[in-house]
């Protein structure tokens, strides 16, 4: 059973991640999917649950809390909960 109350949209965008958990503070990731208040990333580095991460792609920037970090084949799947609605923020930047 899917516990999600919001639709998730699959993507394949490259994003820059900034987090204190990362060596050097930054890394690249693939934005796997997004919903109104969350997104998932595919990375080659782990982030700690509860850490705050900044995600940037194009002109869009989100701050979010890491809510899960799990193996995804040879990579890591990281879930972030964000406060700003993802759709509205992305739409705002798309209209500029």
N, C-alpha and C. Protein backbone atom coordinates (compact mmCIF):
# COMPACT_ATOMS: atom_id res chain seq x y z
N UNK A 1 0.84 -1.19 0.00
CA UNK A 1 0.00 0.00 0.00
C UNK A 1 0.88 1.25 0.00
N UNK A 2 0.57 2.19 -0.85
CA UNK A 2 1.32 3.45 -0.92
C UNK A 2 0.77 4.43 0.11
N UNK A 3 1.62 4.86 1.03
CA UNK A 3 1.19 5.76 2.10
C UNK A 3 1.24 7.22 1.69
N UNK A 4 1.77 7.51 0.51
CA UNK A 4 1.90 8.90 0.09
C UNK A 4 0.52 9.50 -0.20
N UNK A 5 0.33 10.74 0.27
CA UNK A 5 -0.94 11.42 0.00
C UNK A 5 -0.82 12.34 -1.21
N UNK A 6 0.37 12.51 -1.75
CA UNK A 6 0.60 13.40 -2.89
C UNK A 6 1.23 12.62 -4.03
N UNK A 7 0.89 13.01 -5.23
CA UNK A 7 1.48 12.40 -6.42
C UNK A 7 2.94 12.77 -6.53
N UNK A 8 3.77 11.81 -6.92
CA UNK A 8 5.19 12.06 -7.15
C UNK A 8 5.43 12.02 -8.65
N UNK A 9 6.26 12.94 -9.12
CA UNK A 9 6.60 13.03 -10.54
C UNK A 9 8.04 12.62 -10.74
N UNK A 10 8.27 11.68 -11.63
CA UNK A 10 9.63 11.22 -11.93
C UNK A 10 10.36 12.27 -12.74
N UNK A 11 11.63 12.43 -12.45
CA UNK A 11 12.49 13.35 -13.19
C UNK A 11 13.84 12.68 -13.41
N UNK A 12 14.68 13.31 -14.16
CA UNK A 12 16.07 12.86 -14.32
C UNK A 12 16.93 14.10 -14.54
N UNK A 13 16.93 14.96 -13.54
CA UNK A 13 17.68 16.21 -13.59
C UNK A 13 18.92 16.11 -12.72
N UNK A 14 19.97 16.79 -13.12
CA UNK A 14 21.18 16.85 -12.30
C UNK A 14 21.05 18.02 -11.33
N UNK A 15 21.38 17.77 -10.07
CA UNK A 15 21.28 18.81 -9.04
C UNK A 15 22.59 18.89 -8.27
N UNK A 16 22.85 20.06 -7.71
CA UNK A 16 23.98 20.26 -6.81
C UNK A 16 23.46 20.22 -5.38
N UNK A 17 24.14 19.45 -4.52
CA UNK A 17 23.72 19.28 -3.14
C UNK A 17 24.79 19.87 -2.23
N UNK A 18 24.35 20.65 -1.26
CA UNK A 18 25.24 21.19 -0.24
C UNK A 18 24.75 20.68 1.11
N UNK A 19 25.66 20.04 1.86
CA UNK A 19 25.29 19.49 3.17
C UNK A 19 26.57 19.29 3.97
N UNK A 20 26.50 19.54 5.27
CA UNK A 20 27.67 19.37 6.13
C UNK A 20 28.15 17.92 6.18
N UNK A 21 27.29 16.96 5.86
CA UNK A 21 27.65 15.54 5.86
C UNK A 21 28.60 15.16 4.72
N UNK A 22 28.69 16.00 3.70
CA UNK A 22 29.46 15.66 2.50
C UNK A 22 30.91 16.11 2.61
N UNK A 23 31.84 15.27 2.16
CA UNK A 23 33.24 15.71 2.11
C UNK A 23 33.33 16.93 1.20
N UNK A 24 33.90 18.00 1.70
CA UNK A 24 33.98 19.24 0.93
C UNK A 24 32.68 20.03 0.92
N UNK A 25 31.63 19.45 1.50
CA UNK A 25 30.37 20.16 1.65
C UNK A 25 29.41 20.08 0.47
N UNK A 26 29.88 19.63 -0.71
CA UNK A 26 29.01 19.60 -1.87
C UNK A 26 29.16 18.30 -2.67
N UNK A 27 28.13 17.99 -3.44
CA UNK A 27 28.16 16.81 -4.32
C UNK A 27 27.13 17.00 -5.41
N UNK A 28 27.22 16.18 -6.44
CA UNK A 28 26.24 16.14 -7.51
C UNK A 28 25.29 14.98 -7.23
N UNK A 29 24.05 15.13 -7.68
CA UNK A 29 23.05 14.07 -7.52
C UNK A 29 22.08 14.13 -8.69
N UNK A 30 21.32 13.06 -8.85
CA UNK A 30 20.22 13.06 -9.81
C UNK A 30 18.93 13.24 -9.03
N UNK A 31 18.14 14.18 -9.47
CA UNK A 31 16.83 14.37 -8.87
C UNK A 31 15.94 13.28 -9.44
N UNK A 32 15.54 12.33 -8.59
CA UNK A 32 14.81 11.15 -9.02
C UNK A 32 13.32 11.41 -9.18
N UNK A 33 12.72 12.04 -8.18
CA UNK A 33 11.31 12.41 -8.29
C UNK A 33 11.00 13.51 -7.29
N UNK A 34 9.83 14.12 -7.47
CA UNK A 34 9.44 15.20 -6.57
C UNK A 34 7.94 15.19 -6.37
N UNK A 35 7.53 15.76 -5.25
CA UNK A 35 6.12 15.93 -4.93
C UNK A 35 5.96 17.31 -4.33
N UNK A 36 4.78 17.62 -3.81
CA UNK A 36 4.54 18.96 -3.30
C UNK A 36 5.53 19.34 -2.20
N UNK A 37 5.79 18.46 -1.26
CA UNK A 37 6.66 18.80 -0.12
C UNK A 37 7.86 17.88 0.03
N UNK A 38 8.30 17.27 -1.06
CA UNK A 38 9.46 16.41 -0.94
C UNK A 38 10.07 16.07 -2.28
N UNK A 39 11.25 15.51 -2.19
CA UNK A 39 11.95 15.07 -3.39
C UNK A 39 12.91 13.97 -3.02
N UNK A 40 13.28 13.16 -4.00
CA UNK A 40 14.28 12.13 -3.75
C UNK A 40 15.45 12.31 -4.70
N UNK A 41 16.61 11.99 -4.19
CA UNK A 41 17.87 12.15 -4.91
C UNK A 41 18.57 10.82 -5.01
N UNK A 42 19.28 10.60 -6.09
CA UNK A 42 20.16 9.44 -6.21
C UNK A 42 21.58 9.98 -6.18
N UNK A 43 22.34 9.50 -5.19
CA UNK A 43 23.69 10.02 -4.95
C UNK A 43 24.67 8.87 -4.78
N UNK A 44 25.96 9.21 -4.74
CA UNK A 44 26.95 8.19 -4.43
C UNK A 44 27.51 8.38 -3.01
N UNK A 45 26.91 9.30 -2.26
CA UNK A 45 27.32 9.57 -0.88
C UNK A 45 26.10 9.49 0.03
N UNK A 46 26.33 9.07 1.28
CA UNK A 46 25.25 9.00 2.27
C UNK A 46 25.09 10.34 2.97
N UNK A 47 23.87 10.64 3.35
CA UNK A 47 23.56 11.78 4.21
C UNK A 47 22.87 11.23 5.45
N UNK A 48 23.06 11.89 6.57
CA UNK A 48 22.45 11.43 7.82
C UNK A 48 21.00 11.90 7.92
N UNK A 49 20.12 11.00 8.34
CA UNK A 49 18.73 11.37 8.59
C UNK A 49 18.72 12.51 9.60
N UNK A 50 17.94 13.55 9.31
CA UNK A 50 17.87 14.73 10.18
C UNK A 50 18.76 15.87 9.72
N UNK A 51 19.71 15.59 8.83
CA UNK A 51 20.59 16.64 8.31
C UNK A 51 19.80 17.58 7.40
N UNK A 52 20.28 18.79 7.29
CA UNK A 52 19.68 19.78 6.38
C UNK A 52 20.55 19.84 5.12
N UNK A 53 19.90 19.76 3.97
CA UNK A 53 20.62 19.81 2.70
C UNK A 53 20.00 20.88 1.81
N UNK A 54 20.85 21.53 1.03
CA UNK A 54 20.40 22.48 0.02
C UNK A 54 20.51 21.80 -1.34
N UNK A 55 19.44 21.87 -2.12
CA UNK A 55 19.39 21.27 -3.45
C UNK A 55 19.20 22.38 -4.46
N UNK A 56 20.07 22.41 -5.47
CA UNK A 56 19.97 23.44 -6.51
C UNK A 56 19.98 22.79 -7.88
N UNK A 57 19.06 23.19 -8.72
CA UNK A 57 19.11 22.82 -10.13
C UNK A 57 18.54 23.99 -10.91
N UNK A 58 19.26 24.40 -11.95
CA UNK A 58 18.86 25.59 -12.70
C UNK A 58 18.77 26.78 -11.76
N UNK A 59 17.66 27.50 -11.81
CA UNK A 59 17.44 28.65 -10.93
C UNK A 59 16.65 28.29 -9.68
N UNK A 60 16.44 27.01 -9.43
CA UNK A 60 15.61 26.55 -8.32
C UNK A 60 16.49 26.08 -7.17
N UNK A 61 16.15 26.53 -5.95
CA UNK A 61 16.88 26.13 -4.75
C UNK A 61 15.88 25.73 -3.67
N UNK A 62 16.15 24.59 -3.03
CA UNK A 62 15.34 24.13 -1.91
C UNK A 62 16.24 23.78 -0.74
N UNK A 63 15.73 24.01 0.46
CA UNK A 63 16.35 23.51 1.67
C UNK A 63 15.43 22.43 2.20
N UNK A 64 16.01 21.31 2.61
CA UNK A 64 15.17 20.23 3.11
C UNK A 64 15.85 19.41 4.16
N UNK A 65 15.05 18.67 4.90
CA UNK A 65 15.56 17.76 5.93
C UNK A 65 15.61 16.35 5.35
N UNK A 66 16.72 15.68 5.56
CA UNK A 66 16.86 14.30 5.11
C UNK A 66 15.95 13.43 5.98
N UNK A 67 15.02 12.72 5.33
CA UNK A 67 14.08 11.86 6.07
C UNK A 67 14.36 10.38 5.85
N UNK A 68 15.11 10.03 4.81
CA UNK A 68 15.59 8.66 4.66
C UNK A 68 16.83 8.65 3.78
N UNK A 69 17.61 7.61 3.96
CA UNK A 69 18.83 7.39 3.18
C UNK A 69 19.01 5.88 3.11
N UNK A 70 18.86 5.32 1.90
CA UNK A 70 18.89 3.86 1.78
C UNK A 70 19.62 3.43 0.52
N UNK A 71 20.11 2.21 0.53
CA UNK A 71 20.81 1.67 -0.64
C UNK A 71 19.85 1.60 -1.81
N UNK A 72 20.41 1.87 -2.99
CA UNK A 72 19.65 1.83 -4.25
C UNK A 72 20.60 1.26 -5.30
N UNK A 73 20.78 -0.07 -5.26
CA UNK A 73 21.80 -0.69 -6.11
C UNK A 73 23.18 -0.28 -5.59
N UNK A 74 24.01 0.25 -6.47
CA UNK A 74 25.34 0.73 -6.07
C UNK A 74 25.31 2.18 -5.61
N UNK A 75 24.12 2.80 -5.63
CA UNK A 75 23.99 4.20 -5.25
C UNK A 75 23.16 4.32 -3.98
N UNK A 76 22.92 5.55 -3.59
CA UNK A 76 22.15 5.85 -2.38
C UNK A 76 20.93 6.67 -2.77
N UNK A 77 19.77 6.28 -2.26
CA UNK A 77 18.54 7.03 -2.46
C UNK A 77 18.28 7.86 -1.21
N UNK A 78 18.18 9.17 -1.38
CA UNK A 78 18.02 10.11 -0.27
C UNK A 78 16.69 10.84 -0.44
N UNK A 79 15.87 10.84 0.60
CA UNK A 79 14.60 11.56 0.58
C UNK A 79 14.67 12.82 1.40
N UNK A 80 14.17 13.91 0.85
CA UNK A 80 14.14 15.19 1.56
C UNK A 80 12.71 15.68 1.72
N UNK A 81 12.43 16.21 2.89
CA UNK A 81 11.16 16.90 3.14
C UNK A 81 11.47 18.39 3.06
N UNK A 82 10.73 19.11 2.23
CA UNK A 82 10.96 20.55 2.08
C UNK A 82 9.75 21.33 2.57
N UNK A 83 9.99 22.55 3.02
CA UNK A 83 8.91 23.39 3.53
C UNK A 83 8.18 24.13 2.41
N UNK A 84 8.93 24.71 1.47
CA UNK A 84 8.30 25.42 0.35
C UNK A 84 7.69 24.41 -0.60
N UNK A 85 6.45 24.61 -1.02
CA UNK A 85 5.87 23.68 -1.99
C UNK A 85 6.72 23.61 -3.27
N UNK A 86 7.16 22.43 -3.61
CA UNK A 86 8.06 22.23 -4.74
C UNK A 86 7.43 22.71 -6.04
N UNK A 87 6.18 22.36 -6.29
CA UNK A 87 5.54 22.74 -7.56
C UNK A 87 5.49 24.25 -7.73
N UNK A 88 5.05 24.94 -6.66
CA UNK A 88 4.91 26.39 -6.77
C UNK A 88 6.25 27.07 -6.98
N UNK A 89 7.27 26.61 -6.28
CA UNK A 89 8.59 27.20 -6.45
C UNK A 89 9.13 26.96 -7.84
N UNK A 90 9.01 25.73 -8.33
CA UNK A 90 9.49 25.40 -9.68
C UNK A 90 8.71 26.20 -10.73
N UNK A 91 7.40 26.33 -10.54
CA UNK A 91 6.57 27.08 -11.50
C UNK A 91 6.98 28.55 -11.52
N UNK A 92 7.27 29.11 -10.33
CA UNK A 92 7.67 30.51 -10.23
C UNK A 92 8.94 30.76 -11.05
N UNK A 93 9.93 29.87 -10.91
CA UNK A 93 11.18 30.04 -11.64
C UNK A 93 10.99 29.78 -13.14
N UNK A 94 10.11 28.87 -13.49
CA UNK A 94 9.88 28.57 -14.91
C UNK A 94 9.25 29.76 -15.63
N UNK A 95 8.49 30.58 -14.91
CA UNK A 95 7.82 31.73 -15.51
C UNK A 95 8.67 32.97 -15.56
N UNK A 96 9.91 32.93 -15.09
CA UNK A 96 10.78 34.11 -15.12
C UNK A 96 11.46 34.25 -16.44
